């Protein structure tokens, strides 16, 4: 449970940094970012694996670069879901989505170094 909470907070920090750095990604505040981090985690856990399987030939053809587009689409989908729930989170366009997804991935990777696996 602690590890799940830590991952959620890492996602929230990464999304907050992406909001701060990328023009085209906007959030209403800390509460919004925390809820969006939860939505983003669910989208990545449920939809991203299916999309990766369906686009596997394209990922192979582009030598893995299409993964950046998939990650951007997951961030954009998170924005759509957040807006449908009345949250103030906007991703305006595919370029900010891809750049934001790269930032979120890098920040999450760096912060995950500090979470040790007890196994």
PDB file of N, CA and C in Angstrom:
ATOM      1  N   UNK A   1       0.828  -1.198   0.000  1.00  0.00           N
ATOM      2  CA  UNK A   1       0.000   0.000   0.000  1.00  0.00           C
ATOM      3  C   UNK A   1       0.870   1.259   0.000  1.00  0.00           C
ATOM      4  N   UNK A   2       1.949   1.197   0.760  1.00  0.00           N
ATOM      5  CA  UNK A   2       2.849   2.355   0.812  1.00  0.00           C
ATOM      6  C   UNK A   2       3.503   2.606  -0.542  1.00  0.00           C
ATOM      7  N   UNK A   3       3.830   1.517  -1.227  1.00  0.00           N
ATOM      8  CA  UNK A   3       4.458   1.643  -2.536  1.00  0.00           C
ATOM      9  C   UNK A   3       3.487   2.253  -3.546  1.00  0.00           C
ATOM     10  N   UNK A   4       2.214   1.854  -3.480  1.00  0.00           N
ATOM     11  CA  UNK A   4       1.196   2.418  -4.366  1.00  0.00           C
ATOM     12  C   UNK A   4       1.018   3.916  -4.112  1.00  0.00           C
ATOM     13  N   UNK A   5       1.003   4.300  -2.853  1.00  0.00           N
ATOM     14  CA  UNK A   5       0.891   5.713  -2.495  1.00  0.00           C
ATOM     15  C   UNK A   5       2.110   6.499  -2.977  1.00  0.00           C
ATOM     16  N   UNK A   6       3.280   5.908  -2.832  1.00  0.00           N
ATOM     17  CA  UNK A   6       4.505   6.563  -3.300  1.00  0.00           C
ATOM     18  C   UNK A   6       4.480   6.759  -4.812  1.00  0.00           C
ATOM     19  N   UNK A   7       4.031   5.749  -5.536  1.00  0.00           N
ATOM     20  CA  UNK A   7       3.946   5.865  -7.001  1.00  0.00           C
ATOM     21  C   UNK A   7       2.943   6.936  -7.414  1.00  0.00           C
ATOM     22  N   UNK A   8       1.829   7.012  -6.705  1.00  0.00           N
ATOM     23  CA  UNK A   8       0.823   8.037  -6.977  1.00  0.00           C
ATOM     24  C   UNK A   8       1.414   9.429  -6.759  1.00  0.00           C
ATOM     25  N   UNK A   9       2.148   9.614  -5.672  1.00  0.00           N
ATOM     26  CA  UNK A   9       2.772  10.911  -5.400  1.00  0.00           C
ATOM     27  C   UNK A   9       3.858  11.237  -6.429  1.00  0.00           C
ATOM     28  N   UNK A  10       4.599  10.236  -6.862  1.00  0.00           N
ATOM     29  CA  UNK A  10       5.610  10.448  -7.911  1.00  0.00           C
ATOM     30  C   UNK A  10       4.931  10.915  -9.192  1.00  0.00           C
ATOM     31  N   UNK A  11       3.823  10.261  -9.557  1.00  0.00           N
ATOM     32  CA  UNK A  11       3.075  10.695 -10.740  1.00  0.00           C
ATOM     33  C   UNK A  11       2.589  12.128 -10.586  1.00  0.00           C
ATOM     34  N   UNK A  12       2.092  12.471  -9.409  1.00  0.00           N
ATOM     35  CA  UNK A  12       1.596  13.820  -9.167  1.00  0.00           C
ATOM     36  C   UNK A  12       2.715  14.855  -9.298  1.00  0.00           C
ATOM     37  N   UNK A  13       3.872  14.556  -8.742  1.00  0.00           N
ATOM     38  CA  UNK A  13       5.016  15.470  -8.857  1.00  0.00           C
ATOM     39  C   UNK A  13       5.435  15.607 -10.318  1.00  0.00           C
ATOM     40  N   UNK A  14       5.491  14.490 -11.035  1.00  0.00           N
ATOM     41  CA  UNK A  14       5.896  14.516 -12.442  1.00  0.00           C
ATOM     42  C   UNK A  14       4.905  15.307 -13.288  1.00  0.00           C
ATOM     43  N   UNK A  15       3.617  15.120 -13.039  1.00  0.00           N
ATOM     44  CA  UNK A  15       2.599  15.882 -13.774  1.00  0.00           C
ATOM     45  C   UNK A  15       2.702  17.356 -13.426  1.00  0.00           C
ATOM     46  N   UNK A  16       2.927  17.669 -12.157  1.00  0.00           N
ATOM     47  CA  UNK A  16       3.096  19.068 -11.752  1.00  0.00           C
ATOM     48  C   UNK A  16       4.276  19.732 -12.449  1.00  0.00           C
ATOM     49  N   UNK A  17       5.375  19.017 -12.587  1.00  0.00           N
ATOM     50  CA  UNK A  17       6.543  19.558 -13.285  1.00  0.00           C
ATOM     51  C   UNK A  17       6.241  19.750 -14.765  1.00  0.00           C
ATOM     52  N   UNK A  18       5.518  18.794 -15.370  1.00  0.00           N
ATOM     53  CA  UNK A  18       5.143  18.932 -16.779  1.00  0.00           C
ATOM     54  C   UNK A  18       4.232  20.149 -16.980  1.00  0.00           C
ATOM     55  N   UNK A  19       3.301  20.365 -16.061  1.00  0.00           N
ATOM     56  CA  UNK A  19       2.422  21.541 -16.129  1.00  0.00           C
ATOM     57  C   UNK A  19       3.252  22.811 -16.055  1.00  0.00           C
ATOM     58  N   UNK A  20       4.246  22.816 -15.200  1.00  0.00           N
ATOM     59  CA  UNK A  20       5.095  23.987 -15.001  1.00  0.00           C
ATOM     60  C   UNK A  20       5.980  24.266 -16.218  1.00  0.00           C
ATOM     61  N   UNK A  21       6.477  23.217 -16.864  1.00  0.00           N
ATOM     62  CA  UNK A  21       7.455  23.383 -17.940  1.00  0.00           C
ATOM     63  C   UNK A  21       6.868  23.497 -19.344  1.00  0.00           C
ATOM     64  N   UNK A  22       5.725  22.888 -19.598  1.00  0.00           N
ATOM     65  CA  UNK A  22       5.226  22.769 -20.972  1.00  0.00           C
ATOM     66  C   UNK A  22       4.062  23.721 -21.215  1.00  0.00           C
ATOM     67  N   UNK A  23       4.243  24.612 -22.189  1.00  0.00           N
ATOM     68  CA  UNK A  23       3.119  25.429 -22.643  1.00  0.00           C
ATOM     69  C   UNK A  23       2.146  24.507 -23.357  1.00  0.00           C
ATOM     70  N   UNK A  24       0.892  24.583 -23.007  1.00  0.00           N
ATOM     71  CA  UNK A  24      -0.097  23.708 -23.609  1.00  0.00           C
ATOM     72  C   UNK A  24      -0.604  22.651 -22.646  1.00  0.00           C
ATOM     73  N   UNK A  25      -0.003  22.592 -21.456  1.00  0.00           N
ATOM     74  CA  UNK A  25      -0.516  21.728 -20.391  1.00  0.00           C
ATOM     75  C   UNK A  25      -0.808  22.625 -19.195  1.00  0.00           C
ATOM     76  N   UNK A  26      -2.057  22.615 -18.780  1.00  0.00           N
ATOM     77  CA  UNK A  26      -2.481  23.488 -17.684  1.00  0.00           C
ATOM     78  C   UNK A  26      -3.309  22.698 -16.674  1.00  0.00           C
ATOM     79  N   UNK A  27      -3.152  23.055 -15.404  1.00  0.00           N
ATOM     80  CA  UNK A  27      -3.923  22.413 -14.339  1.00  0.00           C
ATOM     81  C   UNK A  27      -4.401  23.479 -13.365  1.00  0.00           C
ATOM     82  N   UNK A  28      -5.544  23.217 -12.755  1.00  0.00           N
ATOM     83  CA  UNK A  28      -6.165  24.169 -11.855  1.00  0.00           C
ATOM     84  C   UNK A  28      -5.466  24.352 -10.517  1.00  0.00           C
ATOM     85  N   UNK A  29      -4.786  23.368 -10.036  1.00  0.00           N
ATOM     86  CA  UNK A  29      -4.127  23.480  -8.738  1.00  0.00           C
ATOM     87  C   UNK A  29      -3.663  22.125  -8.241  1.00  0.00           C
ATOM     88  N   UNK A  30      -3.210  22.100  -7.001  1.00  0.00           N
ATOM     89  CA  UNK A  30      -2.643  20.886  -6.412  1.00  0.00           C
ATOM     90  C   UNK A  30      -3.670  19.763  -6.323  1.00  0.00           C
ATOM     91  N   UNK A  31      -4.880  20.076  -5.899  1.00  0.00           N
ATOM     92  CA  UNK A  31      -5.921  19.062  -5.787  1.00  0.00           C
ATOM     93  C   UNK A  31      -6.201  18.436  -7.155  1.00  0.00           C
ATOM     94  N   UNK A  32      -6.270  19.273  -8.171  1.00  0.00           N
ATOM     95  CA  UNK A  32      -6.496  18.776  -9.530  1.00  0.00           C
ATOM     96  C   UNK A  32      -5.359  17.863  -9.963  1.00  0.00           C
ATOM     97  N   UNK A  33      -4.122  18.270  -9.698  1.00  0.00           N
ATOM     98  CA  UNK A  33      -2.965  17.463 -10.090  1.00  0.00           C
ATOM     99  C   UNK A  33      -2.981  16.108  -9.377  1.00  0.00           C
ATOM    100  N   UNK A  34      -3.372  16.080  -8.114  1.00  0.00           N
ATOM    101  CA  UNK A  34      -3.433  14.816  -7.380  1.00  0.00           C
ATOM    102  C   UNK A  34      -4.478  13.866  -7.970  1.00  0.00           C
ATOM    103  N   UNK A  35      -5.644  14.407  -8.334  1.00  0.00           N
ATOM    104  CA  UNK A  35      -6.684  13.571  -8.938  1.00  0.00           C
ATOM    105  C   UNK A  35      -6.268  13.133 -10.340  1.00  0.00           C
ATOM    106  N   UNK A  36      -5.659  14.042 -11.107  1.00  0.00           N
ATOM    107  CA  UNK A  36      -5.198  13.720 -12.459  1.00  0.00           C
ATOM    108  C   UNK A  36      -4.124  12.634 -12.397  1.00  0.00           C
ATOM    109  N   UNK A  37      -3.277  12.652 -11.386  1.00  0.00           N
ATOM    110  CA  UNK A  37      -2.258  11.606 -11.235  1.00  0.00           C
ATOM    111  C   UNK A  37      -2.905  10.240 -11.054  1.00  0.00           C
ATOM    112  N   UNK A  38      -4.014  10.207 -10.330  1.00  0.00           N
ATOM    113  CA  UNK A  38      -4.732   8.951 -10.147  1.00  0.00           C
ATOM    114  C   UNK A  38      -5.345   8.489 -11.472  1.00  0.00           C
ATOM    115  N   UNK A  39      -5.948   9.409 -12.196  1.00  0.00           N
ATOM    116  CA  UNK A  39      -6.536   9.077 -13.501  1.00  0.00           C
ATOM    117  C   UNK A  39      -5.449   8.611 -14.459  1.00  0.00           C
ATOM    118  N   UNK A  40      -4.321   9.308 -14.483  1.00  0.00           N
ATOM    119  CA  UNK A  40      -3.209   8.964 -15.365  1.00  0.00           C
ATOM    120  C   UNK A  40      -2.688   7.557 -15.063  1.00  0.00           C
ATOM    121  N   UNK A  41      -2.590   7.227 -13.793  1.00  0.00           N
ATOM    122  CA  UNK A  41      -2.147   5.888 -13.408  1.00  0.00           C
ATOM    123  C   UNK A  41      -3.114   4.809 -13.879  1.00  0.00           C
ATOM    124  N   UNK A  42      -4.408   5.075 -13.749  1.00  0.00           N
ATOM    125  CA  UNK A  42      -5.414   4.113 -14.211  1.00  0.00           C
ATOM    126  C   UNK A  42      -5.395   3.958 -15.726  1.00  0.00           C
ATOM    127  N   UNK A  43      -5.281   5.074 -16.442  1.00  0.00           N
ATOM    128  CA  UNK A  43      -5.221   5.032 -17.906  1.00  0.00           C
ATOM    129  C   UNK A  43      -4.001   4.233 -18.349  1.00  0.00           C
ATOM    130  N   UNK A  44      -2.867   4.480 -17.721  1.00  0.00           N
ATOM    131  CA  UNK A  44      -1.648   3.748 -18.080  1.00  0.00           C
ATOM    132  C   UNK A  44      -1.736   2.265 -17.734  1.00  0.00           C
ATOM    133  N   UNK A  45      -2.443   1.939 -16.672  1.00  0.00           N
ATOM    134  CA  UNK A  45      -2.547   0.538 -16.264  1.00  0.00           C
ATOM    135  C   UNK A  45      -3.561  -0.236 -17.107  1.00  0.00           C
ATOM    136  N   UNK A  46      -4.623   0.431 -17.547  1.00  0.00           N
ATOM    137  CA  UNK A  46      -5.701  -0.275 -18.226  1.00  0.00           C
ATOM    138  C   UNK A  46      -5.659  -0.175 -19.755  1.00  0.00           C
ATOM    139  N   UNK A  47      -5.362   0.977 -20.278  1.00  0.00           N
ATOM    140  CA  UNK A  47      -5.484   1.211 -21.721  1.00  0.00           C
ATOM    141  C   UNK A  47      -4.145   1.105 -22.442  1.00  0.00           C
ATOM    142  N   UNK A  48      -3.079   1.588 -21.836  1.00  0.00           N
ATOM    143  CA  UNK A  48      -1.772   1.606 -22.497  1.00  0.00           C
ATOM    144  C   UNK A  48      -1.300   0.223 -22.947  1.00  0.00           C
ATOM    145  N   UNK A  49      -1.439  -0.833 -22.131  1.00  0.00           N
ATOM    146  CA  UNK A  49      -0.986  -2.148 -22.604  1.00  0.00           C
ATOM    147  C   UNK A  49      -1.738  -2.627 -23.856  1.00  0.00           C
ATOM    148  N   UNK A  50      -3.024  -2.377 -23.902  1.00  0.00           N
ATOM    149  CA  UNK A  50      -3.818  -2.766 -25.071  1.00  0.00           C
ATOM    150  C   UNK A  50      -3.347  -2.001 -26.300  1.00  0.00           C
ATOM    151  N   UNK A  51      -3.140  -0.699 -26.138  1.00  0.00           N
ATOM    152  CA  UNK A  51      -2.687   0.131 -27.254  1.00  0.00           C
ATOM    153  C   UNK A  51      -1.296  -0.282 -27.724  1.00  0.00           C
ATOM    154  N   UNK A  52      -0.426  -0.662 -26.792  1.00  0.00           N
ATOM    155  CA  UNK A  52       0.918  -1.105 -27.176  1.00  0.00           C
ATOM    156  C   UNK A  52       0.872  -2.398 -27.992  1.00  0.00           C
ATOM    157  N   UNK A  53      -0.015  -3.300 -27.637  1.00  0.00           N
ATOM    158  CA  UNK A  53      -0.140  -4.548 -28.396  1.00  0.00           C
ATOM    159  C   UNK A  53      -0.686  -4.259 -29.795  1.00  0.00           C
ATOM    160  N   UNK A  54      -1.705  -3.409 -29.873  1.00  0.00           N
ATOM    161  CA  UNK A  54      -2.316  -3.101 -31.164  1.00  0.00           C
ATOM    162  C   UNK A  54      -1.365  -2.356 -32.107  1.00  0.00           C
ATOM    163  N   UNK A  55      -0.455  -1.570 -31.539  1.00  0.00           N
ATOM    164  CA  UNK A  55       0.454  -0.776 -32.375  1.00  0.00           C
ATOM    165  C   UNK A  55       1.858  -1.368 -32.443  1.00  0.00           C
ATOM    166  N   UNK A  56       2.006  -2.598 -32.019  1.00  0.00           N
ATOM    167  CA  UNK A  56       3.324  -3.231 -31.991  1.00  0.00           C
ATOM    168  C   UNK A  56       4.062  -3.164 -33.330  1.00  0.00           C
ATOM    169  N   UNK A  57       3.405  -3.450 -34.454  1.00  0.00           N
ATOM    170  CA  UNK A  57       4.134  -3.338 -35.727  1.00  0.00           C
ATOM    171  C   UNK A  57       4.645  -1.924 -35.996  1.00  0.00           C
ATOM    172  N   UNK A  58       3.851  -0.933 -35.633  1.00  0.00           N
ATOM    173  CA  UNK A  58       4.269   0.454 -35.838  1.00  0.00           C
ATOM    174  C   UNK A  58       5.428   0.827 -34.920  1.00  0.00           C
ATOM    175  N   UNK A  59       5.405   0.318 -33.704  1.00  0.00           N
ATOM    176  CA  UNK A  59       6.511   0.560 -32.765  1.00  0.00           C
ATOM    177  C   UNK A  59       7.797  -0.064 -33.309  1.00  0.00           C
ATOM    178  N   UNK A  60       7.676  -1.276 -33.826  1.00  0.00           N
ATOM    179  CA  UNK A  60       8.855  -1.944 -34.393  1.00  0.00           C
ATOM    180  C   UNK A  60       9.356  -1.197 -35.627  1.00  0.00           C
ATOM    181  N   UNK A  61       8.427  -0.788 -36.487  1.00  0.00           N
ATOM    182  CA  UNK A  61       8.790  -0.076 -37.713  1.00  0.00           C
ATOM    183  C   UNK A  61       9.519   1.237 -37.432  1.00  0.00           C
ATOM    184  N   UNK A  62       9.137   1.914 -36.352  1.00  0.00           N
ATOM    185  CA  UNK A  62       9.760   3.199 -36.003  1.00  0.00           C
ATOM    186  C   UNK A  62      10.889   3.036 -34.986  1.00  0.00           C
ATOM    187  N   UNK A  63      11.307   1.793 -34.771  1.00  0.00           N
ATOM    188  CA  UNK A  63      12.384   1.487 -33.817  1.00  0.00           C
ATOM    189  C   UNK A  63      12.082   1.993 -32.406  1.00  0.00           C
ATOM    190  N   UNK A  64      10.823   1.900 -32.022  1.00  0.00           N
ATOM    191  CA  UNK A  64      10.411   2.266 -30.673  1.00  0.00           C
ATOM    192  C   UNK A  64       9.988   3.714 -30.485  1.00  0.00           C
ATOM    193  N   UNK A  65      10.182   4.541 -31.487  1.00  0.00           N
ATOM    194  CA  UNK A  65       9.843   5.961 -31.321  1.00  0.00           C
ATOM    195  C   UNK A  65       8.348   6.205 -31.202  1.00  0.00           C
ATOM    196  N   UNK A  66       7.540   5.297 -31.724  1.00  0.00           N
ATOM    197  CA  UNK A  66       6.085   5.476 -31.637  1.00  0.00           C
ATOM    198  C   UNK A  66       5.592   5.377 -30.192  1.00  0.00           C
ATOM    199  N   UNK A  67       6.398   4.804 -29.309  1.00  0.00           N
ATOM    200  CA  UNK A  67       6.046   4.756 -27.879  1.00  0.00           C
ATOM    201  C   UNK A  67       5.827   6.168 -27.341  1.00  0.00           C
ATOM    202  N   UNK A  68       6.609   7.140 -27.833  1.00  0.00           N
ATOM    203  CA  UNK A  68       6.422   8.526 -27.394  1.00  0.00           C
ATOM    204  C   UNK A  68       5.036   9.035 -27.777  1.00  0.00           C
ATOM    205  N   UNK A  69       4.573   8.660 -28.941  1.00  0.00           N
ATOM    206  CA  UNK A  69       3.221   9.057 -29.377  1.00  0.00           C
ATOM    207  C   UNK A  69       2.172   8.380 -28.494  1.00  0.00           C
ATOM    208  N   UNK A  70       2.365   7.104 -28.187  1.00  0.00           N
ATOM    209  CA  UNK A  70       1.426   6.394 -27.316  1.00  0.00           C
ATOM    210  C   UNK A  70       1.372   7.060 -25.942  1.00  0.00           C
ATOM    211  N   UNK A  71       2.538   7.407 -25.393  1.00  0.00           N
ATOM    212  CA  UNK A  71       2.573   8.072 -24.088  1.00  0.00           C
ATOM    213  C   UNK A  71       1.868   9.426 -24.140  1.00  0.00           C
ATOM    214  N   UNK A  72       2.073  10.162 -25.231  1.00  0.00           N
ATOM    215  CA  UNK A  72       1.379  11.440 -25.406  1.00  0.00           C
ATOM    216  C   UNK A  72      -0.123  11.252 -25.496  1.00  0.00           C
ATOM    217  N   UNK A  73      -0.552  10.213 -26.193  1.00  0.00           N
ATOM    218  CA  UNK A  73      -1.982   9.924 -26.290  1.00  0.00           C
ATOM    219  C   UNK A  73      -2.574   9.574 -24.930  1.00  0.00           C
ATOM    220  N   UNK A  74      -1.822   8.889 -24.097  1.00  0.00           N
ATOM    221  CA  UNK A  74      -2.312   8.560 -22.752  1.00  0.00           C
ATOM    222  C   UNK A  74      -2.491   9.823 -21.910  1.00  0.00           C
ATOM    223  N   UNK A  75      -1.559  10.772 -22.060  1.00  0.00           N
ATOM    224  CA  UNK A  75      -1.696  12.043 -21.343  1.00  0.00           C
ATOM    225  C   UNK A  75      -2.890  12.829 -21.870  1.00  0.00           C
ATOM    226  N   UNK A  76      -3.075  12.832 -23.190  1.00  0.00           N
ATOM    227  CA  UNK A  76      -4.220  13.527 -23.772  1.00  0.00           C
ATOM    228  C   UNK A  76      -5.532  12.881 -23.322  1.00  0.00           C
ATOM    229  N   UNK A  77      -5.581  11.545 -23.311  1.00  0.00           N
ATOM    230  CA  UNK A  77      -6.780  10.843 -22.849  1.00  0.00           C
ATOM    231  C   UNK A  77      -7.062  11.151 -21.384  1.00  0.00           C
ATOM    232  N   UNK A  78      -6.022  11.254 -20.592  1.00  0.00           N
ATOM    233  CA  UNK A  78      -6.187  11.656 -19.192  1.00  0.00           C
ATOM    234  C   UNK A  78      -6.836  13.026 -19.111  1.00  0.00           C
ATOM    235  N   UNK A  79      -6.423  13.937 -19.984  1.00  0.00           N
ATOM    236  CA  UNK A  79      -7.009  15.278 -20.030  1.00  0.00           C
ATOM    237  C   UNK A  79      -8.498  15.215 -20.380  1.00  0.00           C
ATOM    238  N   UNK A  80      -8.845  14.394 -21.352  1.00  0.00           N
ATOM    239  CA  UNK A  80     -10.244  14.256 -21.763  1.00  0.00           C
ATOM    240  C   UNK A  80     -11.090  13.706 -20.611  1.00  0.00           C
ATOM    241  N   UNK A  81     -10.592  12.687 -19.942  1.00  0.00           N
ATOM    242  CA  UNK A  81     -11.322  12.095 -18.815  1.00  0.00           C
ATOM    243  C   UNK A  81     -11.446  13.103 -17.675  1.00  0.00           C
ATOM    244  N   UNK A  82     -10.356  13.814 -17.377  1.00  0.00           N
ATOM    245  CA  UNK A  82     -10.392  14.815 -16.304  1.00  0.00           C
ATOM    246  C   UNK A  82     -11.412  15.912 -16.614  1.00  0.00           C
ATOM    247  N   UNK A  83     -11.442  16.365 -17.857  1.00  0.00           N
ATOM    248  CA  UNK A  83     -12.418  17.390 -18.242  1.00  0.00           C
ATOM    249  C   UNK A  83     -13.841  16.880 -18.127  1.00  0.00           C
ATOM    250  N   UNK A  84     -14.060  15.619 -18.485  1.00  0.00           N
ATOM    251  CA  UNK A  84     -15.410  15.061 -18.379  1.00  0.00           C
ATOM    252  C   UNK A  84     -15.848  14.932 -16.917  1.00  0.00           C
ATOM    253  N   UNK A  85     -14.895  14.864 -16.009  1.00  0.00           N
ATOM    254  CA  UNK A  85     -15.203  14.818 -14.574  1.00  0.00           C
ATOM    255  C   UNK A  85     -15.259  16.208 -13.949  1.00  0.00           C
ATOM    256  N   UNK A  86     -15.076  17.245 -14.765  1.00  0.00           N
ATOM    257  CA  UNK A  86     -15.156  18.618 -14.269  1.00  0.00           C
ATOM    258  C   UNK A  86     -13.860  19.153 -13.682  1.00  0.00           C
ATOM    259  N   UNK A  87     -12.752  18.485 -13.944  1.00  0.00           N
ATOM    260  CA  UNK A  87     -11.460  18.950 -13.432  1.00  0.00           C
ATOM    261  C   UNK A  87     -10.830  19.916 -14.423  1.00  0.00           C
ATOM    262  N   UNK A  88     -10.090  20.862 -13.901  1.00  0.00           N
ATOM    263  CA  UNK A  88      -9.436  21.869 -14.726  1.00  0.00           C
ATOM    264  C   UNK A  88      -8.041  21.389 -15.110  1.00  0.00           C
ATOM    265  N   UNK A  89      -7.972  20.485 -16.097  1.00  0.00           N
ATOM    266  CA  UNK A  89      -6.704  19.968 -16.602  1.00  0.00           C
ATOM    267  C   UNK A  89      -6.804  19.920 -18.113  1.00  0.00           C
ATOM    268  N   UNK A  90      -5.922  20.640 -18.792  1.00  0.00           N
ATOM    269  CA  UNK A  90      -5.971  20.753 -20.255  1.00  0.00           C
ATOM    270  C   UNK A  90      -4.634  20.357 -20.876  1.00  0.00           C
ATOM    271  N   UNK A  91      -4.705  19.550 -21.922  1.00  0.00           N
ATOM    272  CA  UNK A  91      -3.559  19.284 -22.784  1.00  0.00           C
ATOM    273  C   UNK A  91      -4.009  19.692 -24.178  1.00  0.00           C
ATOM    274  N   UNK A  92      -3.409  20.757 -24.698  1.00  0.00           N
ATOM    275  CA  UNK A  92      -3.881  21.333 -25.962  1.00  0.00           C
ATOM    276  C   UNK A  92      -2.945  20.964 -27.106  1.00  0.00           C
ATOM    277  N   UNK A  93      -3.147  19.786 -27.657  1.00  0.00           N
ATOM    278  CA  UNK A  93      -2.382  19.388 -28.827  1.00  0.00           C
ATOM    279  C   UNK A  93      -1.475  18.203 -28.577  1.00  0.00           C
ATOM    280  N   UNK A  94      -1.090  17.565 -29.674  1.00  0.00           N
ATOM    281  CA  UNK A  94      -0.272  16.357 -29.577  1.00  0.00           C
ATOM    282  C   UNK A  94       1.175  16.677 -29.208  1.00  0.00           C
ATOM    283  N   UNK A  95       1.701  17.808 -29.674  1.00  0.00           N
ATOM    284  CA  UNK A  95       3.101  18.148 -29.358  1.00  0.00           C
ATOM    285  C   UNK A  95       3.275  18.403 -27.860  1.00  0.00           C
ATOM    286  N   UNK A  96       2.431  19.239 -27.232  1.00  0.00           N
ATOM    287  CA  UNK A  96       2.555  19.382 -25.771  1.00  0.00           C
ATOM    288  C   UNK A  96       2.316  18.062 -25.039  1.00  0.00           C
ATOM    289  N   UNK A  97       1.435  17.214 -25.570  1.00  0.00           N
ATOM    290  CA  UNK A  97       1.175  15.927 -24.927  1.00  0.00           C
ATOM    291  C   UNK A  97       2.408  15.039 -24.961  1.00  0.00           C
ATOM    292  N   UNK A  98       3.082  15.001 -26.115  1.00  0.00           N
ATOM    293  CA  UNK A  98       4.281  14.154 -26.232  1.00  0.00           C
ATOM    294  C   UNK A  98       5.410  14.709 -25.373  1.00  0.00           C
ATOM    295  N   UNK A  99       5.619  16.012 -25.417  1.00  0.00           N
ATOM    296  CA  UNK A  99       6.674  16.619 -24.591  1.00  0.00           C
ATOM    297  C   UNK A  99       6.363  16.411 -23.111  1.00  0.00           C
ATOM    298  N   UNK A 100       5.110  16.616 -22.733  1.00  0.00           N
ATOM    299  CA  UNK A 100       4.706  16.394 -21.346  1.00  0.00           C
ATOM    300  C   UNK A 100       4.897  14.955 -20.910  1.00  0.00           C
ATOM    301  N   UNK A 101       4.562  14.022 -21.792  1.00  0.00           N
ATOM    302  CA  UNK A 101       4.729  12.600 -21.467  1.00  0.00           C
ATOM    303  C   UNK A 101       6.198  12.243 -21.286  1.00  0.00           C
ATOM    304  N   UNK A 102       7.063  12.825 -22.102  1.00  0.00           N
ATOM    305  CA  UNK A 102       8.506  12.571 -21.953  1.00  0.00           C
ATOM    306  C   UNK A 102       8.993  13.116 -20.611  1.00  0.00           C
ATOM    307  N   UNK A 103       8.555  14.314 -20.257  1.00  0.00           N
ATOM    308  CA  UNK A 103       8.945  14.913 -18.970  1.00  0.00           C
ATOM    309  C   UNK A 103       8.428  14.061 -17.813  1.00  0.00           C
ATOM    310  N   UNK A 104       7.171  13.639 -17.900  1.00  0.00           N
ATOM    311  CA  UNK A 104       6.591  12.811 -16.838  1.00  0.00           C
ATOM    312  C   UNK A 104       7.366  11.504 -16.696  1.00  0.00           C
ATOM    313  N   UNK A 105       7.721  10.897 -17.822  1.00  0.00           N
ATOM    314  CA  UNK A 105       8.482   9.650 -17.786  1.00  0.00           C
ATOM    315  C   UNK A 105       9.847   9.849 -17.139  1.00  0.00           C
ATOM    316  N   UNK A 106      10.556  10.911 -17.538  1.00  0.00           N
ATOM    317  CA  UNK A 106      11.888  11.163 -16.988  1.00  0.00           C
ATOM    318  C   UNK A 106      11.845  11.470 -15.497  1.00  0.00           C
ATOM    319  N   UNK A 107      10.917  12.331 -15.084  1.00  0.00           N
ATOM    320  CA  UNK A 107      10.812  12.690 -13.666  1.00  0.00           C
ATOM    321  C   UNK A 107      10.404  11.466 -12.845  1.00  0.00           C
ATOM    322  N   UNK A 108       9.458  10.682 -13.355  1.00  0.00           N
ATOM    323  CA  UNK A 108       9.034   9.470 -12.642  1.00  0.00           C
ATOM    324  C   UNK A 108      10.182   8.486 -12.497  1.00  0.00           C
ATOM    325  N   UNK A 109      10.950   8.343 -13.557  1.00  0.00           N
ATOM    326  CA  UNK A 109      12.107   7.444 -13.509  1.00  0.00           C
ATOM    327  C   UNK A 109      13.115   7.905 -12.461  1.00  0.00           C
ATOM    328  N   UNK A 110      13.425   9.193 -12.457  1.00  0.00           N
ATOM    329  CA  UNK A 110      14.385   9.721 -11.481  1.00  0.00           C
ATOM    330  C   UNK A 110      13.882   9.580 -10.046  1.00  0.00           C
ATOM    331  N   UNK A 111      12.606   9.874  -9.818  1.00  0.00           N
ATOM    332  CA  UNK A 111      12.070   9.782  -8.460  1.00  0.00           C
ATOM    333  C   UNK A 111      11.887   8.337  -8.011  1.00  0.00           C
ATOM    334  N   UNK A 112      11.648   7.435  -8.952  1.00  0.00           N
ATOM    335  CA  UNK A 112      11.467   6.022  -8.602  1.00  0.00           C
ATOM    336  C   UNK A 112      12.752   5.379  -8.102  1.00  0.00           C
ATOM    337  N   UNK A 113      13.868   5.988  -8.384  1.00  0.00           N
ATOM    338  CA  UNK A 113      15.146   5.468  -7.889  1.00  0.00           C
ATOM    339  C   UNK A 113      15.142   5.442  -6.361  1.00  0.00           C
ATOM    340  N   UNK A 114      14.401   6.363  -5.746  1.00  0.00           N
ATOM    341  CA  UNK A 114      14.396   6.475  -4.299  1.00  0.00           C
ATOM    342  C   UNK A 114      13.437   5.511  -3.617  1.00  0.00           C
ATOM    343  N   UNK A 115      12.642   4.784  -4.404  1.00  0.00           N
ATOM    344  CA  UNK A 115      11.738   3.778  -3.839  1.00  0.00           C
ATOM    345  C   UNK A 115      12.416   2.437  -3.962  1.00  0.00           C
ATOM    346  N   UNK A 116      12.716   1.833  -2.848  1.00  0.00           N
ATOM    347  CA  UNK A 116      13.386   0.541  -2.862  1.00  0.00           C
ATOM    348  C   UNK A 116      12.344  -0.574  -2.898  1.00  0.00           C
ATOM    349  N   UNK A 117      12.691  -1.633  -3.567  1.00  0.00           N
ATOM    350  CA  UNK A 117      11.843  -2.810  -3.605  1.00  0.00           C
ATOM    351  C   UNK A 117      12.269  -3.722  -2.459  1.00  0.00           C
ATOM    352  N   UNK A 118      11.340  -3.998  -1.541  1.00  0.00           N
ATOM    353  CA  UNK A 118      11.680  -4.799  -0.365  1.00  0.00           C
ATOM    354  C   UNK A 118      11.891  -6.267  -0.675  1.00  0.00           C
ATOM    355  N   UNK A 119      11.466  -6.718  -1.833  1.00  0.00           N
ATOM    356  CA  UNK A 119      11.572  -8.148  -2.187  1.00  0.00           C
ATOM    357  C   UNK A 119      12.995  -8.581  -2.365  1.00  0.00           C
TER     358      UNK A 119
END
